[in-house]
Amino acid sequence: MHNTIYEYKLNVVEKQRLFLPLGSKILSVKVQRGNICLCAMIDTTAKVEERVISIVGTGNPLPKINPDQSFVHIDTIQQYGLVWHVFEIVQKDMDDLKGVRFGQ
């Protein structure tokens, strides 16, 4: 295992895909030299997986997601006088879905 901190540039969009090594731990999101950057601790030898990131401005609705997904807040940042809220869209645990009725 070779743990390293990597930076990934993000775009201000409702949903974007990042390909991070399996088991990566997202640490924070910061503005650096005008770019929005996500910092993650990764294992450089691990296979990659897709992660979905959402950036939403204050006062704007969250994007639609599937009932088996949820938002996990990563960080809130400011850029050019705007406030952005950065989330990861993740699959809910099966325990979270108890009592949820689909198709109604």
C-alpha atoms as a PDB file:
ATOM      1  CA  MET A   1       0.000   0.000   0.000  1.00  0.00           C
ATOM      2  CA  HIS A   2       1.394   3.373  -1.059  1.00  0.00           C
ATOM      3  CA  ASN A   3      -0.652   6.160   0.555  1.00  0.00           C
ATOM      4  CA  THR A   4      -0.300   9.534  -1.106  1.00  0.00           C
ATOM      5  CA  ILE A   5      -2.312  12.771  -1.058  1.00  0.00           C
ATOM      6  CA  TYR A   6      -3.544  13.685  -4.543  1.00  0.00           C
ATOM      7  CA  GLU A   7      -5.450  16.696  -5.845  1.00  0.00           C
ATOM      8  CA  TYR A   8      -8.235  16.501  -8.411  1.00  0.00           C
ATOM      9  CA  LYS A   9      -9.604  19.590 -10.176  1.00  0.00           C
ATOM     10  CA  LEU A  10     -13.388  19.865 -10.106  1.00  0.00           C
ATOM     11  CA  ASN A  11     -15.816  21.656 -12.402  1.00  0.00           C
ATOM     12  CA  VAL A  12     -18.815  23.599 -11.087  1.00  0.00           C
ATOM     13  CA  VAL A  13     -21.479  21.158 -12.319  1.00  0.00           C
ATOM     14  CA  GLU A  14     -24.361  19.274 -10.713  1.00  0.00           C
ATOM     15  CA  LYS A  15     -22.719  15.869 -11.208  1.00  0.00           C
ATOM     16  CA  GLN A  16     -19.261  14.785 -12.287  1.00  0.00           C
ATOM     17  CA  ARG A  17     -17.432  11.506 -12.222  1.00  0.00           C
ATOM     18  CA  LEU A  18     -14.019  11.072 -10.665  1.00  0.00           C
ATOM     19  CA  PHE A  19     -12.002   7.909 -10.934  1.00  0.00           C
ATOM     20  CA  LEU A  20     -10.194   7.365  -7.648  1.00  0.00           C
ATOM     21  CA  PRO A  21      -8.314   4.316  -6.382  1.00  0.00           C
ATOM     22  CA  LEU A  22     -10.472   1.914  -4.334  1.00  0.00           C
ATOM     23  CA  GLY A  23     -10.673   2.914  -0.698  1.00  0.00           C
ATOM     24  CA  SER A  24      -9.638   6.539  -1.285  1.00  0.00           C
ATOM     25  CA  LYS A  25     -10.471   8.880   1.576  1.00  0.00           C
ATOM     26  CA  ILE A  26     -11.722  12.292   0.503  1.00  0.00           C
ATOM     27  CA  LEU A  27     -10.160  14.867   2.831  1.00  0.00           C
ATOM     28  CA  SER A  28     -11.363  18.306   1.719  1.00  0.00           C
ATOM     29  CA  VAL A  29     -12.135  20.677  -1.122  1.00  0.00           C
ATOM     30  CA  LYS A  30     -10.310  23.995  -1.456  1.00  0.00           C
ATOM     31  CA  VAL A  31      -9.863  26.787  -3.978  1.00  0.00           C
ATOM     32  CA  GLN A  32      -6.281  26.895  -5.186  1.00  0.00           C
ATOM     33  CA  ARG A  33      -5.099  29.412  -7.802  1.00  0.00           C
ATOM     34  CA  GLY A  34      -8.721  29.907  -8.921  1.00  0.00           C
ATOM     35  CA  ASN A  35      -9.404  26.171  -9.326  1.00  0.00           C
ATOM     36  CA  ILE A  36     -11.667  24.054  -7.140  1.00  0.00           C
ATOM     37  CA  CYS A  37      -9.564  21.094  -5.995  1.00  0.00           C
ATOM     38  CA  LEU A  38     -10.578  17.962  -4.130  1.00  0.00           C
ATOM     39  CA  CYS A  39      -7.860  16.446  -1.935  1.00  0.00           C
ATOM     40  CA  ALA A  40      -7.894  12.720  -1.286  1.00  0.00           C
ATOM     41  CA  MET A  41      -5.633  10.209   0.398  1.00  0.00           C
ATOM     42  CA  ILE A  42      -5.189   7.423  -2.121  1.00  0.00           C
ATOM     43  CA  ASP A  43      -3.376   4.139  -2.521  1.00  0.00           C
ATOM     44  CA  THR A  44      -1.445   4.585  -5.771  1.00  0.00           C
ATOM     45  CA  THR A  45      -1.336   0.808  -6.318  1.00  0.00           C
ATOM     46  CA  ALA A  46      -5.105   0.164  -6.005  1.00  0.00           C
ATOM     47  CA  LYS A  47      -7.549  -0.349  -8.857  1.00  0.00           C
ATOM     48  CA  VAL A  48      -9.833   2.601  -9.571  1.00  0.00           C
ATOM     49  CA  GLU A  49     -13.534   3.096  -8.931  1.00  0.00           C
ATOM     50  CA  GLU A  50     -15.984   5.737 -10.066  1.00  0.00           C
ATOM     51  CA  ARG A  51     -17.084   8.348  -7.518  1.00  0.00           C
ATOM     52  CA  VAL A  52     -19.754  10.963  -8.206  1.00  0.00           C
ATOM     53  CA  ILE A  53     -19.291  14.533  -6.966  1.00  0.00           C
ATOM     54  CA  SER A  54     -21.939  17.257  -6.962  1.00  0.00           C
ATOM     55  CA  ILE A  55     -21.353  20.993  -6.559  1.00  0.00           C
ATOM     56  CA  VAL A  56     -24.372  23.105  -5.667  1.00  0.00           C
ATOM     57  CA  GLY A  57     -24.544  26.837  -5.045  1.00  0.00           C
ATOM     58  CA  THR A  58     -26.354  28.260  -2.038  1.00  0.00           C
ATOM     59  CA  GLY A  59     -30.044  28.749  -2.847  1.00  0.00           C
ATOM     60  CA  ASN A  60     -30.026  26.197  -5.673  1.00  0.00           C
ATOM     61  CA  PRO A  61     -31.821  22.830  -5.552  1.00  0.00           C
ATOM     62  CA  LEU A  62     -29.818  19.645  -5.185  1.00  0.00           C
ATOM     63  CA  PRO A  63     -29.769  17.476  -8.315  1.00  0.00           C
ATOM     64  CA  LYS A  64     -32.180  14.559  -8.546  1.00  0.00           C
ATOM     65  CA  ILE A  65     -30.751  11.242  -7.403  1.00  0.00           C
ATOM     66  CA  ASN A  66     -32.072   7.685  -7.157  1.00  0.00           C
ATOM     67  CA  PRO A  67     -33.921   6.573  -3.984  1.00  0.00           C
ATOM     68  CA  ASP A  68     -31.015   4.227  -3.177  1.00  0.00           C
ATOM     69  CA  GLN A  69     -28.529   7.127  -3.149  1.00  0.00           C
ATOM     70  CA  SER A  70     -27.769   9.912  -0.687  1.00  0.00           C
ATOM     71  CA  PHE A  71     -25.641  13.045  -0.426  1.00  0.00           C
ATOM     72  CA  VAL A  72     -22.557  13.112   1.815  1.00  0.00           C
ATOM     73  CA  HIS A  73     -21.260  16.629   2.466  1.00  0.00           C
ATOM     74  CA  ILE A  74     -17.538  17.001   1.809  1.00  0.00           C
ATOM     75  CA  ASP A  75     -16.907  20.723   2.203  1.00  0.00           C
ATOM     76  CA  THR A  76     -18.260  24.237   1.627  1.00  0.00           C
ATOM     77  CA  ILE A  77     -16.055  26.735  -0.184  1.00  0.00           C
ATOM     78  CA  GLN A  78     -16.157  30.293  -1.498  1.00  0.00           C
ATOM     79  CA  GLN A  79     -14.995  31.331  -4.938  1.00  0.00           C
ATOM     80  CA  TYR A  80     -15.399  34.776  -6.534  1.00  0.00           C
ATOM     81  CA  GLY A  81     -17.992  35.762  -3.922  1.00  0.00           C
ATOM     82  CA  LEU A  82     -20.078  32.605  -4.504  1.00  0.00           C
ATOM     83  CA  VAL A  83     -20.612  29.815  -1.984  1.00  0.00           C
ATOM     84  CA  TRP A  84     -20.393  26.235  -3.264  1.00  0.00           C
ATOM     85  CA  HIS A  85     -21.418  23.111  -1.331  1.00  0.00           C
ATOM     86  CA  VAL A  86     -19.573  19.982  -2.424  1.00  0.00           C
ATOM     87  CA  PHE A  87     -21.150  16.549  -1.952  1.00  0.00           C
ATOM     88  CA  GLU A  88     -20.389  12.963  -2.865  1.00  0.00           C
ATOM     89  CA  ILE A  89     -23.381  10.988  -4.126  1.00  0.00           C
ATOM     90  CA  VAL A  90     -23.168   7.529  -2.568  1.00  0.00           C
ATOM     91  CA  GLN A  91     -25.208   4.343  -2.467  1.00  0.00           C
ATOM     92  CA  LYS A  92     -27.215   3.990   0.741  1.00  0.00           C
ATOM     93  CA  ASP A  93     -26.559   1.053   3.018  1.00  0.00           C
ATOM     94  CA  MET A  94     -29.240  -1.623   2.847  1.00  0.00           C
ATOM     95  CA  ASP A  95     -30.131  -0.840   6.490  1.00  0.00           C
ATOM     96  CA  ASP A  96     -30.988   2.732   5.416  1.00  0.00           C
ATOM     97  CA  LEU A  97     -33.501   1.359   2.906  1.00  0.00           C
ATOM     98  CA  LYS A  98     -35.641  -0.559   5.418  1.00  0.00           C
ATOM     99  CA  GLY A  99     -39.189   0.696   5.203  1.00  0.00           C
ATOM    100  CA  VAL A 100     -38.625   2.563   1.934  1.00  0.00           C
ATOM    101  CA  ARG A 101     -41.314   1.728  -0.627  1.00  0.00           C
ATOM    102  CA  PHE A 102     -40.390   1.856  -4.272  1.00  0.00           C
ATOM    103  CA  GLY A 103     -42.720   2.387  -7.199  1.00  0.00           C
ATOM    104  CA  GLN A 104     -45.396   4.277  -5.304  1.00  0.00           C
END
